[in-house]
Amino acid sequence: MPIDWTSTLQEQAEFATRIAEDVAATLELPQLNDVQVLRLHRVVEQGASTFDRILDEMDQHDVDNDLIEAADGIADIWTSLSISTANKLRALQGLAPIEFPES
């Protein structure tokens, strides 16, 4: 049975967007401590890892470029979430944030 990449990516985009909203709200909580942020970061990394498996599966099939571009956008959301949670943890530990040049 062929994979419906359009539906898969729509579901993944909706999920990543909901997680991004939740992460942003959570990172704003003033009472958040480093243990909680570390747990949040691990959850984000698990989500990113799951999406990486989808990307790997897409690489094994002949997928249209528009779907590849959509998948790249979703991957960017996971990367941003990972950096945001890592930087919050670093801030709580008194370390400088991770900075990447704008591309």
N, C-alpha and C. Protein backbone atom coordinates (compact mmCIF):
# COMPACT_ATOMS: atom_id res chain seq x y z
N MET A 1 0.85 -1.18 0.00
CA MET A 1 0.00 0.00 0.00
C MET A 1 0.89 1.24 0.00
N PRO A 2 0.71 2.11 -0.98
CA PRO A 2 1.55 3.32 -1.06
C PRO A 2 1.24 4.30 0.07
N ILE A 3 2.25 5.05 0.42
CA ILE A 3 2.11 6.05 1.49
C ILE A 3 1.53 7.32 0.91
N ASP A 4 0.54 7.87 1.57
CA ASP A 4 -0.04 9.15 1.17
C ASP A 4 0.80 10.24 1.84
N TRP A 5 1.82 10.70 1.12
CA TRP A 5 2.77 11.66 1.68
C TRP A 5 2.12 13.00 2.00
N THR A 6 1.14 13.39 1.20
CA THR A 6 0.47 14.67 1.45
C THR A 6 -0.22 14.64 2.80
N SER A 7 -1.00 13.59 3.06
CA SER A 7 -1.70 13.48 4.34
C SER A 7 -0.71 13.34 5.50
N THR A 8 0.32 12.54 5.28
CA THR A 8 1.33 12.34 6.32
C THR A 8 1.97 13.66 6.70
N LEU A 9 2.34 14.45 5.70
CA LEU A 9 3.00 15.72 5.98
C LEU A 9 2.04 16.74 6.58
N GLN A 10 0.79 16.71 6.17
CA GLN A 10 -0.20 17.61 6.78
C GLN A 10 -0.36 17.29 8.26
N GLU A 11 -0.47 16.01 8.57
CA GLU A 11 -0.59 15.61 9.97
C GLU A 11 0.65 16.00 10.77
N GLN A 12 1.82 15.79 10.18
CA GLN A 12 3.07 16.13 10.86
C GLN A 12 3.21 17.63 11.04
N ALA A 13 2.78 18.40 10.07
CA ALA A 13 2.85 19.86 10.18
C ALA A 13 1.93 20.36 11.29
N GLU A 14 0.72 19.80 11.35
CA GLU A 14 -0.21 20.19 12.41
C GLU A 14 0.35 19.81 13.78
N PHE A 15 0.91 18.62 13.88
CA PHE A 15 1.48 18.17 15.15
C PHE A 15 2.65 19.06 15.57
N ALA A 16 3.56 19.33 14.65
CA ALA A 16 4.73 20.16 14.96
C ALA A 16 4.30 21.57 15.35
N THR A 17 3.29 22.09 14.70
CA THR A 17 2.79 23.43 15.02
C THR A 17 2.19 23.47 16.43
N ARG A 18 1.41 22.43 16.78
CA ARG A 18 0.84 22.36 18.14
C ARG A 18 1.94 22.25 19.18
N ILE A 19 2.92 21.41 18.91
CA ILE A 19 4.04 21.26 19.84
C ILE A 19 4.79 22.58 19.98
N ALA A 20 5.00 23.27 18.87
CA ALA A 20 5.71 24.55 18.91
C ALA A 20 4.97 25.56 19.78
N GLU A 21 3.65 25.60 19.67
CA GLU A 21 2.86 26.51 20.50
C GLU A 21 2.99 26.14 21.97
N ASP A 22 2.91 24.85 22.26
CA ASP A 22 3.03 24.39 23.65
C ASP A 22 4.42 24.67 24.22
N VAL A 23 5.44 24.42 23.42
CA VAL A 23 6.81 24.66 23.88
C VAL A 23 7.02 26.15 24.14
N ALA A 24 6.56 26.99 23.23
CA ALA A 24 6.73 28.44 23.42
C ALA A 24 6.05 28.90 24.71
N ALA A 25 4.84 28.41 24.95
CA ALA A 25 4.12 28.80 26.17
C ALA A 25 4.84 28.27 27.41
N THR A 26 5.32 27.06 27.34
CA THR A 26 6.00 26.45 28.48
C THR A 26 7.30 27.19 28.79
N LEU A 27 8.05 27.55 27.76
CA LEU A 27 9.33 28.22 27.99
C LEU A 27 9.16 29.60 28.61
N GLU A 28 7.96 30.16 28.54
CA GLU A 28 7.69 31.47 29.13
C GLU A 28 7.33 31.39 30.61
N LEU A 29 7.09 30.20 31.12
CA LEU A 29 6.69 30.07 32.52
C LEU A 29 7.84 30.50 33.44
N PRO A 30 7.57 31.43 34.36
CA PRO A 30 8.65 31.94 35.21
C PRO A 30 9.20 30.91 36.21
N GLN A 31 8.38 29.96 36.61
CA GLN A 31 8.82 28.98 37.62
C GLN A 31 9.50 27.76 36.99
N LEU A 32 9.70 27.76 35.70
CA LEU A 32 10.31 26.63 35.00
C LEU A 32 11.74 26.42 35.48
N ASN A 33 12.07 25.17 35.81
CA ASN A 33 13.44 24.91 36.26
C ASN A 33 14.20 24.07 35.24
N ASP A 34 15.48 23.89 35.49
CA ASP A 34 16.33 23.22 34.50
C ASP A 34 15.94 21.76 34.28
N VAL A 35 15.45 21.07 35.30
CA VAL A 35 15.02 19.68 35.15
C VAL A 35 13.81 19.60 34.21
N GLN A 36 12.88 20.52 34.38
CA GLN A 36 11.70 20.55 33.52
C GLN A 36 12.07 20.88 32.08
N VAL A 37 12.98 21.81 31.91
CA VAL A 37 13.40 22.18 30.56
C VAL A 37 14.16 21.02 29.91
N LEU A 38 14.97 20.32 30.68
CA LEU A 38 15.68 19.16 30.15
C LEU A 38 14.68 18.10 29.66
N ARG A 39 13.64 17.86 30.44
CA ARG A 39 12.59 16.91 30.03
C ARG A 39 11.90 17.38 28.76
N LEU A 40 11.59 18.66 28.69
CA LEU A 40 10.95 19.22 27.51
C LEU A 40 11.86 19.07 26.30
N HIS A 41 13.14 19.33 26.50
CA HIS A 41 14.10 19.19 25.40
C HIS A 41 14.14 17.74 24.91
N ARG A 42 14.09 16.80 25.83
CA ARG A 42 14.10 15.38 25.42
C ARG A 42 12.85 15.03 24.63
N VAL A 43 11.70 15.57 25.02
CA VAL A 43 10.46 15.32 24.28
C VAL A 43 10.58 15.89 22.87
N VAL A 44 11.12 17.09 22.77
CA VAL A 44 11.32 17.70 21.45
C VAL A 44 12.26 16.84 20.61
N GLU A 45 13.34 16.38 21.21
CA GLU A 45 14.30 15.54 20.47
C GLU A 45 13.65 14.23 20.02
N GLN A 46 12.76 13.68 20.82
CA GLN A 46 12.05 12.47 20.40
C GLN A 46 11.14 12.75 19.21
N GLY A 47 10.46 13.88 19.24
CA GLY A 47 9.60 14.28 18.11
C GLY A 47 10.42 14.50 16.86
N ALA A 48 11.57 15.14 17.01
CA ALA A 48 12.45 15.38 15.86
C ALA A 48 12.96 14.05 15.31
N SER A 49 13.30 13.14 16.19
CA SER A 49 13.80 11.82 15.77
C SER A 49 12.72 11.05 15.01
N THR A 50 11.50 11.12 15.48
CA THR A 50 10.39 10.47 14.78
C THR A 50 10.23 11.07 13.39
N PHE A 51 10.31 12.38 13.30
CA PHE A 51 10.17 13.02 11.98
C PHE A 51 11.36 12.68 11.10
N ASP A 52 12.54 12.52 11.66
CA ASP A 52 13.71 12.11 10.87
C ASP A 52 13.47 10.75 10.21
N ARG A 53 12.77 9.86 10.91
CA ARG A 53 12.46 8.55 10.32
C ARG A 53 11.52 8.71 9.12
N ILE A 54 10.60 9.67 9.21
CA ILE A 54 9.71 9.95 8.07
C ILE A 54 10.54 10.48 6.90
N LEU A 55 11.48 11.38 7.20
CA LEU A 55 12.35 11.90 6.14
C LEU A 55 13.17 10.78 5.50
N ASP A 56 13.68 9.88 6.31
CA ASP A 56 14.43 8.74 5.78
C ASP A 56 13.55 7.89 4.86
N GLU A 57 12.32 7.68 5.27
CA GLU A 57 11.38 6.90 4.45
C GLU A 57 11.11 7.62 3.13
N MET A 58 10.96 8.94 3.19
CA MET A 58 10.72 9.71 1.97
C MET A 58 11.91 9.59 1.02
N ASP A 59 13.11 9.55 1.57
CA ASP A 59 14.31 9.43 0.74
C ASP A 59 14.34 8.12 -0.04
N GLN A 60 13.63 7.13 0.46
CA GLN A 60 13.62 5.83 -0.19
C GLN A 60 12.54 5.72 -1.28
N HIS A 61 11.75 6.77 -1.44
CA HIS A 61 10.67 6.77 -2.43
C HIS A 61 10.85 7.97 -3.37
N ASP A 62 10.20 7.88 -4.49
CA ASP A 62 10.21 8.99 -5.45
C ASP A 62 9.13 9.98 -5.04
N VAL A 63 9.54 11.00 -4.28
CA VAL A 63 8.59 11.97 -3.72
C VAL A 63 8.77 13.30 -4.45
N ASP A 64 7.65 13.94 -4.77
CA ASP A 64 7.69 15.23 -5.46
C ASP A 64 8.48 16.27 -4.68
N ASN A 65 9.08 17.20 -5.40
CA ASN A 65 9.89 18.26 -4.77
C ASN A 65 9.07 19.13 -3.82
N ASP A 66 7.77 19.37 -4.16
CA ASP A 66 6.96 20.22 -3.26
C ASP A 66 6.81 19.53 -1.90
N LEU A 67 6.70 18.21 -1.91
CA LEU A 67 6.57 17.48 -0.65
C LEU A 67 7.88 17.48 0.12
N ILE A 68 8.98 17.41 -0.62
CA ILE A 68 10.30 17.49 0.03
C ILE A 68 10.47 18.86 0.68
N GLU A 69 10.06 19.91 -0.02
CA GLU A 69 10.15 21.27 0.54
C GLU A 69 9.26 21.41 1.77
N ALA A 70 8.06 20.83 1.72
CA ALA A 70 7.16 20.87 2.88
C ALA A 70 7.79 20.13 4.06
N ALA A 71 8.39 18.98 3.77
CA ALA A 71 9.05 18.21 4.83
C ALA A 71 10.22 18.99 5.42
N ASP A 72 10.95 19.70 4.57
CA ASP A 72 12.06 20.52 5.06
C ASP A 72 11.55 21.61 6.01
N GLY A 73 10.40 22.18 5.69
CA GLY A 73 9.81 23.20 6.56
C GLY A 73 9.44 22.63 7.92
N ILE A 74 8.91 21.42 7.93
CA ILE A 74 8.56 20.77 9.19
C ILE A 74 9.83 20.45 9.98
N ALA A 75 10.86 19.98 9.28
CA ALA A 75 12.14 19.70 9.94
C ALA A 75 12.71 20.97 10.56
N ASP A 76 12.51 22.11 9.89
CA ASP A 76 12.99 23.39 10.43
C ASP A 76 12.27 23.73 11.74
N ILE A 77 10.98 23.38 11.83
CA ILE A 77 10.24 23.62 13.08
C ILE A 77 10.88 22.82 14.21
N TRP A 78 11.17 21.54 13.96
CA TRP A 78 11.78 20.70 14.99
C TRP A 78 13.16 21.21 15.37
N THR A 79 13.93 21.68 14.39
CA THR A 79 15.25 22.23 14.69
C THR A 79 15.12 23.47 15.57
N SER A 80 14.20 24.33 15.23
CA SER A 80 13.97 25.55 16.01
C SER A 80 13.55 25.22 17.44
N LEU A 81 12.68 24.23 17.59
CA LEU A 81 12.25 23.82 18.93
C LEU A 81 13.42 23.26 19.74
N SER A 82 14.25 22.49 19.08
CA SER A 82 15.41 21.92 19.75
C SER A 82 16.35 23.02 20.24
N ILE A 83 16.61 23.98 19.38
CA ILE A 83 17.50 25.09 19.75
C ILE A 83 16.87 25.93 20.85
N SER A 84 15.57 26.19 20.76
CA SER A 84 14.88 27.00 21.78
C SER A 84 14.96 26.36 23.15
N THR A 85 14.68 25.06 23.19
CA THR A 85 14.71 24.38 24.49
C THR A 85 16.15 24.27 25.01
N ALA A 86 17.10 24.01 24.11
CA ALA A 86 18.50 23.94 24.53
C ALA A 86 18.97 25.29 25.06
N ASN A 87 18.57 26.37 24.39
CA ASN A 87 18.97 27.70 24.83
C ASN A 87 18.33 28.08 26.17
N LYS A 88 17.10 27.65 26.39
CA LYS A 88 16.46 27.93 27.69
C LYS A 88 17.22 27.20 28.79
N LEU A 89 17.58 25.96 28.52
CA LEU A 89 18.36 25.18 29.49
C LEU A 89 19.70 25.85 29.74
N ARG A 90 20.36 26.29 28.69
CA ARG A 90 21.65 26.97 28.83
C ARG A 90 21.50 28.26 29.65
N ALA A 91 20.43 29.00 29.40
CA ALA A 91 20.20 30.24 30.14
C ALA A 91 20.01 29.95 31.63
N LEU A 92 19.25 28.91 31.94
CA LEU A 92 19.04 28.55 33.34
C LEU A 92 20.33 28.09 34.02
N GLN A 93 21.28 27.61 33.21
CA GLN A 93 22.56 27.16 33.73
C GLN A 93 23.62 28.27 33.68
N GLY A 94 23.21 29.46 33.23
CA GLY A 94 24.13 30.59 33.17
C GLY A 94 25.08 30.55 31.99
N LEU A 95 24.72 29.81 30.95
CA LEU A 95 25.57 29.70 29.77
C LEU A 95 25.03 30.57 28.64
N ALA A 96 25.91 30.88 27.71
CA ALA A 96 25.50 31.68 26.54
C ALA A 96 24.63 30.82 25.62
N PRO A 97 23.72 31.46 24.89
CA PRO A 97 22.84 30.71 23.98
C PRO A 97 23.60 30.21 22.76
N ILE A 98 23.03 29.20 22.14
CA ILE A 98 23.52 28.71 20.85
C ILE A 98 23.03 29.69 19.80
N GLU A 99 23.93 30.19 18.98
CA GLU A 99 23.54 31.14 17.94
C GLU A 99 23.97 30.60 16.60
N PHE A 100 23.08 30.74 15.63
CA PHE A 100 23.38 30.32 14.26
C PHE A 100 23.21 31.52 13.36
N PRO A 101 24.10 31.68 12.39
CA PRO A 101 23.93 32.79 11.44
C PRO A 101 22.66 32.59 10.62
N GLU A 102 22.03 33.69 10.31
CA GLU A 102 20.83 33.63 9.47
C GLU A 102 21.26 33.20 8.08
N SER A 103 20.46 32.29 7.50
CA SER A 103 20.82 31.83 6.14
C SER A 103 19.88 32.41 5.12
